[in-house]
PDB file of N, CA and C in Angstrom:
ATOM      1  N   MET A   1       8.722   3.213  14.063  1.00  0.00           N
ATOM      2  CA  MET A   1       7.684   2.416  13.460  1.00  0.00           C
ATOM      3  C   MET A   1       8.336   1.249  12.731  1.00  0.00           C
ATOM      4  N   PHE A   2       7.768   0.095  12.828  1.00  0.00           N
ATOM      5  CA  PHE A   2       8.308  -1.121  12.240  1.00  0.00           C
ATOM      6  C   PHE A   2       7.750  -1.308  10.840  1.00  0.00           C
ATOM      7  N   GLN A   3       8.647  -1.433   9.869  1.00  0.00           N
ATOM      8  CA  GLN A   3       8.226  -1.688   8.498  1.00  0.00           C
ATOM      9  C   GLN A   3       8.880  -2.978   8.024  1.00  0.00           C
ATOM     10  N   THR A   4       8.099  -3.804   7.364  1.00  0.00           N
ATOM     11  CA  THR A   4       8.660  -5.037   6.843  1.00  0.00           C
ATOM     12  C   THR A   4       9.088  -4.821   5.405  1.00  0.00           C
ATOM     13  N   LYS A   5      10.214  -5.397   5.048  1.00  0.00           N
ATOM     14  CA  LYS A   5      10.695  -5.331   3.677  1.00  0.00           C
ATOM     15  C   LYS A   5      10.074  -6.482   2.897  1.00  0.00           C
ATOM     16  N   ILE A   6       9.543  -6.181   1.745  1.00  0.00           N
ATOM     17  CA  ILE A   6       8.929  -7.182   0.902  1.00  0.00           C
ATOM     18  C   ILE A   6       9.859  -7.445  -0.280  1.00  0.00           C
ATOM     19  N   ASP A   7      10.172  -8.709  -0.499  1.00  0.00           N
ATOM     20  CA  ASP A   7      11.047  -9.083  -1.595  1.00  0.00           C
ATOM     21  C   ASP A   7      10.268  -9.065  -2.908  1.00  0.00           C
ATOM     22  N   ILE A   8      10.630  -8.141  -3.788  1.00  0.00           N
ATOM     23  CA  ILE A   8       9.952  -8.031  -5.082  1.00  0.00           C
ATOM     24  C   ILE A   8      10.891  -8.351  -6.237  1.00  0.00           C
ATOM     25  N   ASN A   9      12.030  -8.976  -5.948  1.00  0.00           N
ATOM     26  CA  ASN A   9      13.000  -9.284  -6.996  1.00  0.00           C
ATOM     27  C   ASN A   9      12.487 -10.322  -7.990  1.00  0.00           C
ATOM     28  N   HIS A  10      11.538 -11.155  -7.577  1.00  0.00           N
ATOM     29  CA  HIS A  10      11.019 -12.183  -8.466  1.00  0.00           C
ATOM     30  C   HIS A  10       9.985 -11.648  -9.452  1.00  0.00           C
ATOM     31  N   ILE A  11       9.526 -10.412  -9.257  1.00  0.00           N
ATOM     32  CA  ILE A  11       8.546  -9.814 -10.165  1.00  0.00           C
ATOM     33  C   ILE A  11       9.290  -9.283 -11.387  1.00  0.00           C
ATOM     34  N   PRO A  12       8.890  -9.711 -12.578  1.00  0.00           N
ATOM     35  CA  PRO A  12       9.587  -9.244 -13.779  1.00  0.00           C
ATOM     36  C   PRO A  12       9.341  -7.749 -14.014  1.00  0.00           C
ATOM     37  N   LYS A  13      10.399  -7.028 -14.316  1.00  0.00           N
ATOM     38  CA  LYS A  13      10.292  -5.594 -14.588  1.00  0.00           C
ATOM     39  C   LYS A  13       9.729  -5.394 -15.993  1.00  0.00           C
ATOM     40  N   PHE A  14       8.959  -4.346 -16.160  1.00  0.00           N
ATOM     41  CA  PHE A  14       8.377  -4.045 -17.464  1.00  0.00           C
ATOM     42  C   PHE A  14       9.423  -3.338 -18.312  1.00  0.00           C
ATOM     43  N   ASP A  15       9.747  -3.915 -19.463  1.00  0.00           N
ATOM     44  CA  ASP A  15      10.779  -3.330 -20.329  1.00  0.00           C
ATOM     45  C   ASP A  15      10.204  -2.579 -21.517  1.00  0.00           C
ATOM     46  N   GLY A  16       8.895  -2.429 -21.587  1.00  0.00           N
ATOM     47  CA  GLY A  16       8.277  -1.653 -22.660  1.00  0.00           C
ATOM     48  C   GLY A  16       7.744  -2.489 -23.811  1.00  0.00           C
ATOM     49  N   THR A  17       7.987  -3.781 -23.799  1.00  0.00           N
ATOM     50  CA  THR A  17       7.488  -4.624 -24.882  1.00  0.00           C
ATOM     51  C   THR A  17       6.534  -5.670 -24.313  1.00  0.00           C
ATOM     52  N   TYR A  18       5.614  -6.077 -25.138  1.00  0.00           N
ATOM     53  CA  TYR A  18       4.641  -7.112 -24.784  1.00  0.00           C
ATOM     54  C   TYR A  18       3.928  -6.802 -23.463  1.00  0.00           C
ATOM     55  N   PHE A  19       3.346  -5.614 -23.400  1.00  0.00           N
ATOM     56  CA  PHE A  19       2.654  -5.184 -22.178  1.00  0.00           C
ATOM     57  C   PHE A  19       1.556  -6.159 -21.784  1.00  0.00           C
ATOM     58  N   HIS A  20       0.787  -6.651 -22.749  1.00  0.00           N
ATOM     59  CA  HIS A  20      -0.330  -7.549 -22.428  1.00  0.00           C
ATOM     60  C   HIS A  20       0.162  -8.842 -21.781  1.00  0.00           C
ATOM     61  N   VAL A  21       1.318  -9.350 -22.206  1.00  0.00           N
ATOM     62  CA  VAL A  21       1.867 -10.568 -21.611  1.00  0.00           C
ATOM     63  C   VAL A  21       2.364 -10.283 -20.199  1.00  0.00           C
ATOM     64  N   TRP A  22       3.068  -9.167 -20.024  1.00  0.00           N
ATOM     65  CA  TRP A  22       3.584  -8.778 -18.708  1.00  0.00           C
ATOM     66  C   TRP A  22       2.439  -8.585 -17.721  1.00  0.00           C
ATOM     67  N   LYS A  23       1.377  -7.907 -18.167  1.00  0.00           N
ATOM     68  CA  LYS A  23       0.216  -7.659 -17.306  1.00  0.00           C
ATOM     69  C   LYS A  23      -0.464  -8.978 -16.929  1.00  0.00           C
ATOM     70  N   HIS A  24      -0.572  -9.893 -17.872  1.00  0.00           N
ATOM     71  CA  HIS A  24      -1.189 -11.190 -17.592  1.00  0.00           C
ATOM     72  C   HIS A  24      -0.358 -11.983 -16.574  1.00  0.00           C
ATOM     73  N   LYS A  25       0.964 -11.950 -16.710  1.00  0.00           N
ATOM     74  CA  LYS A  25       1.833 -12.653 -15.756  1.00  0.00           C
ATOM     75  C   LYS A  25       1.678 -12.079 -14.354  1.00  0.00           C
ATOM     76  N   LEU A  26       1.615 -10.756 -14.241  1.00  0.00           N
ATOM     77  CA  LEU A  26       1.424 -10.142 -12.925  1.00  0.00           C
ATOM     78  C   LEU A  26       0.068 -10.496 -12.330  1.00  0.00           C
ATOM     79  N   THR A  27      -0.954 -10.512 -13.175  1.00  0.00           N
ATOM     80  CA  THR A  27      -2.286 -10.883 -12.701  1.00  0.00           C
ATOM     81  C   THR A  27      -2.277 -12.308 -12.151  1.00  0.00           C
ATOM     82  N   LEU A  28      -1.643 -13.229 -12.874  1.00  0.00           N
ATOM     83  CA  LEU A  28      -1.568 -14.614 -12.394  1.00  0.00           C
ATOM     84  C   LEU A  28      -0.762 -14.717 -11.106  1.00  0.00           C
ATOM     85  N   LEU A  29       0.322 -13.941 -11.004  1.00  0.00           N
ATOM     86  CA  LEU A  29       1.127 -13.944  -9.789  1.00  0.00           C
ATOM     87  C   LEU A  29       0.311 -13.479  -8.585  1.00  0.00           C
ATOM     88  N   PHE A  30      -0.421 -12.379  -8.758  1.00  0.00           N
ATOM     89  CA  PHE A  30      -1.245 -11.868  -7.659  1.00  0.00           C
ATOM     90  C   PHE A  30      -2.360 -12.844  -7.293  1.00  0.00           C
ATOM     91  N   LYS A  31      -2.924 -13.502  -8.291  1.00  0.00           N
ATOM     92  CA  LYS A  31      -3.993 -14.466  -8.003  1.00  0.00           C
ATOM     93  C   LYS A  31      -3.465 -15.683  -7.266  1.00  0.00           C
ATOM     94  N   THR A  32      -2.266 -16.172  -7.617  1.00  0.00           N
ATOM     95  CA  THR A  32      -1.723 -17.338  -6.928  1.00  0.00           C
ATOM     96  C   THR A  32      -1.335 -17.011  -5.491  1.00  0.00           C
ATOM     97  N   LYS A  33      -0.944 -15.770  -5.230  1.00  0.00           N
ATOM     98  CA  LYS A  33      -0.583 -15.347  -3.873  1.00  0.00           C
ATOM     99  C   LYS A  33      -1.807 -14.859  -3.092  1.00  0.00           C
ATOM    100  N   LYS A  34      -2.985 -14.974  -3.708  1.00  0.00           N
ATOM    101  CA  LYS A  34      -4.257 -14.547  -3.106  1.00  0.00           C
ATOM    102  C   LYS A  34      -4.251 -13.060  -2.746  1.00  0.00           C
ATOM    103  N   LEU A  35      -3.651 -12.252  -3.620  1.00  0.00           N
ATOM    104  CA  LEU A  35      -3.594 -10.798  -3.434  1.00  0.00           C
ATOM    105  C   LEU A  35      -4.413 -10.053  -4.477  1.00  0.00           C
ATOM    106  N   TRP A  36      -5.022 -10.766  -5.405  1.00  0.00           N
ATOM    107  CA  TRP A  36      -5.704 -10.115  -6.508  1.00  0.00           C
ATOM    108  C   TRP A  36      -6.869  -9.242  -6.037  1.00  0.00           C
ATOM    109  N   SER A  37      -7.591  -9.668  -5.023  1.00  0.00           N
ATOM    110  CA  SER A  37      -8.729  -8.865  -4.559  1.00  0.00           C
ATOM    111  C   SER A  37      -8.266  -7.533  -3.967  1.00  0.00           C
ATOM    112  N   ILE A  38      -7.067  -7.505  -3.390  1.00  0.00           N
ATOM    113  CA  ILE A  38      -6.526  -6.254  -2.854  1.00  0.00           C
ATOM    114  C   ILE A  38      -6.064  -5.363  -3.999  1.00  0.00           C
ATOM    115  N   VAL A  39      -5.365  -5.955  -4.970  1.00  0.00           N
ATOM    116  CA  VAL A  39      -4.873  -5.188  -6.116  1.00  0.00           C
ATOM    117  C   VAL A  39      -6.038  -4.670  -6.945  1.00  0.00           C
ATOM    118  N   ASN A  40      -7.040  -5.495  -7.116  1.00  0.00           N
ATOM    119  CA  ASN A  40      -8.212  -5.139  -7.914  1.00  0.00           C
ATOM    120  C   ASN A  40      -9.079  -4.084  -7.231  1.00  0.00           C
ATOM    121  N   GLY A  41      -8.992  -3.983  -5.917  1.00  0.00           N
ATOM    122  CA  GLY A  41      -9.766  -2.987  -5.188  1.00  0.00           C
ATOM    123  C   GLY A  41     -11.055  -3.501  -4.592  1.00  0.00           C
ATOM    124  N   THR A  42     -11.325  -4.802  -4.701  1.00  0.00           N
ATOM    125  CA  THR A  42     -12.563  -5.334  -4.126  1.00  0.00           C
ATOM    126  C   THR A  42     -12.417  -5.628  -2.642  1.00  0.00           C
ATOM    127  N   GLU A  43     -11.179  -5.719  -2.160  1.00  0.00           N
ATOM    128  CA  GLU A  43     -10.924  -5.951  -0.738  1.00  0.00           C
ATOM    129  C   GLU A  43      -9.956  -4.878  -0.258  1.00  0.00           C
ATOM    130  N   THR A  44     -10.169  -4.395   0.956  1.00  0.00           N
ATOM    131  CA  THR A  44      -9.295  -3.358   1.473  1.00  0.00           C
ATOM    132  C   THR A  44      -7.946  -3.919   1.890  1.00  0.00           C
ATOM    133  N   LYS A  45      -6.943  -3.077   1.826  1.00  0.00           N
ATOM    134  CA  LYS A  45      -5.591  -3.474   2.200  1.00  0.00           C
ATOM    135  C   LYS A  45      -5.547  -3.739   3.697  1.00  0.00           C
ATOM    136  N   PRO A  46      -4.944  -4.835   4.130  1.00  0.00           N
ATOM    137  CA  PRO A  46      -4.863  -5.102   5.572  1.00  0.00           C
ATOM    138  C   PRO A  46      -3.976  -4.074   6.277  1.00  0.00           C
ATOM    139  N   ILE A  47      -4.399  -3.662   7.453  1.00  0.00           N
ATOM    140  CA  ILE A  47      -3.672  -2.673   8.230  1.00  0.00           C
ATOM    141  C   ILE A  47      -3.258  -3.321   9.542  1.00  0.00           C
ATOM    142  N   ALA A  48      -2.006  -3.108   9.925  1.00  0.00           N
ATOM    143  CA  ALA A  48      -1.505  -3.662  11.174  1.00  0.00           C
ATOM    144  C   ALA A  48      -2.215  -2.997  12.353  1.00  0.00           C
ATOM    145  N   PRO A  49      -2.574  -3.760  13.375  1.00  0.00           N
ATOM    146  CA  PRO A  49      -3.231  -3.162  14.540  1.00  0.00           C
ATOM    147  C   PRO A  49      -2.271  -2.245  15.295  1.00  0.00           C
ATOM    148  N   THR A  50      -2.816  -1.177  15.834  1.00  0.00           N
ATOM    149  CA  THR A  50      -1.995  -0.250  16.607  1.00  0.00           C
ATOM    150  C   THR A  50      -2.366  -0.357  18.076  1.00  0.00           C
ATOM    151  N   THR A  51      -1.390  -0.135  18.932  1.00  0.00           N
ATOM    152  CA  THR A  51      -1.638  -0.234  20.362  1.00  0.00           C
ATOM    153  C   THR A  51      -1.584   1.125  21.038  1.00  0.00           C
ATOM    154  N   THR A  52      -1.125   2.135  20.331  1.00  0.00           N
ATOM    155  CA  THR A  52      -1.031   3.458  20.935  1.00  0.00           C
ATOM    156  C   THR A  52      -2.135   4.349  20.404  1.00  0.00           C
ATOM    157  N   ARG A  53      -2.553   5.243  21.232  1.00  0.00           N
ATOM    158  CA  ARG A  53      -3.562   6.211  20.823  1.00  0.00           C
ATOM    159  C   ARG A  53      -2.891   7.561  20.663  1.00  0.00           C
ATOM    160  N   VAL A  54      -3.296   8.279  19.677  1.00  0.00           N
ATOM    161  CA  VAL A  54      -2.752   9.607  19.431  1.00  0.00           C
ATOM    162  C   VAL A  54      -3.759  10.614  19.966  1.00  0.00           C
ATOM    163  N   ALA A  55      -3.296  11.457  20.861  1.00  0.00           N
ATOM    164  CA  ALA A  55      -4.179  12.470  21.429  1.00  0.00           C
ATOM    165  C   ALA A  55      -4.444  13.547  20.391  1.00  0.00           C
ATOM    166  N   ALA A  56      -5.672  14.019  20.341  1.00  0.00           N
ATOM    167  CA  ALA A  56      -6.031  15.071  19.403  1.00  0.00           C
ATOM    168  C   ALA A  56      -5.409  16.384  19.856  1.00  0.00           C
ATOM    169  N   LEU A  57      -4.874  17.111  18.891  1.00  0.00           N
ATOM    170  CA  LEU A  57      -4.281  18.406  19.203  1.00  0.00           C
ATOM    171  C   LEU A  57      -5.380  19.442  19.392  1.00  0.00           C
ATOM    172  N   PRO A  58      -5.175  20.408  20.301  1.00  0.00           N
ATOM    173  CA  PRO A  58      -6.193  21.438  20.480  1.00  0.00           C
ATOM    174  C   PRO A  58      -6.250  22.345  19.255  1.00  0.00           C
ATOM    175  N   ILE A  59      -7.422  22.868  19.012  1.00  0.00           N
ATOM    176  CA  ILE A  59      -7.602  23.781  17.881  1.00  0.00           C
ATOM    177  C   ILE A  59      -6.973  25.117  18.247  1.00  0.00           C
ATOM    178  N   VAL A  60      -6.087  25.571  17.385  1.00  0.00           N
ATOM    179  CA  VAL A  60      -5.378  26.803  17.642  1.00  0.00           C
ATOM    180  C   VAL A  60      -5.730  27.799  16.561  1.00  0.00           C
ATOM    181  N   GLY A  61      -6.189  28.964  16.976  1.00  0.00           N
ATOM    182  CA  GLY A  61      -6.515  30.008  16.016  1.00  0.00           C
ATOM    183  C   GLY A  61      -5.282  30.830  15.665  1.00  0.00           C
ATOM    184  N   ALA A  62      -5.377  31.628  14.614  1.00  0.00           N
ATOM    185  CA  ALA A  62      -4.252  32.430  14.164  1.00  0.00           C
ATOM    186  C   ALA A  62      -3.860  33.488  15.193  1.00  0.00           C
ATOM    187  N   SER A  63      -4.830  34.021  15.925  1.00  0.00           N
ATOM    188  CA  SER A  63      -4.507  35.073  16.899  1.00  0.00           C
ATOM    189  C   SER A  63      -3.690  34.511  18.073  1.00  0.00           C
ATOM    190  N   SER A  64      -3.910  33.254  18.468  1.00  0.00           N
ATOM    191  CA  SER A  64      -3.162  32.687  19.587  1.00  0.00           C
ATOM    192  C   SER A  64      -1.713  32.407  19.199  1.00  0.00           C
ATOM    193  N   ILE A  65      -1.451  32.183  17.907  1.00  0.00           N
ATOM    194  CA  ILE A  65      -0.088  31.959  17.463  1.00  0.00           C
ATOM    195  C   ILE A  65       0.714  33.266  17.533  1.00  0.00           C
ATOM    196  N   SER A  66       0.094  34.369  17.136  1.00  0.00           N
ATOM    197  CA  SER A  66       0.805  35.651  17.137  1.00  0.00           C
ATOM    198  C   SER A  66       1.025  36.160  18.556  1.00  0.00           C
ATOM    199  N   ASN A  67       0.196  35.718  19.535  1.00  0.00           N
ATOM    200  CA  ASN A  67       0.366  36.163  20.913  1.00  0.00           C
ATOM    201  C   ASN A  67       1.546  35.450  21.484  1.00  0.00           C
TER     202      ASN A  67
END
């Protein structure tokens, strides 16, 4: 499966002080990158399209496993 690496080094780490300022900076960062609606939960996270189908597994009862 292909996963893309996202560079998060530019995001300031929270050091335990001035939480309200840190939170405001992150909010502005997400808004400028047009990601705030995803972070806020008003828009769903985009999902990469898949080209393969997964076949459903047959239902197996406990008695068939012991046989």
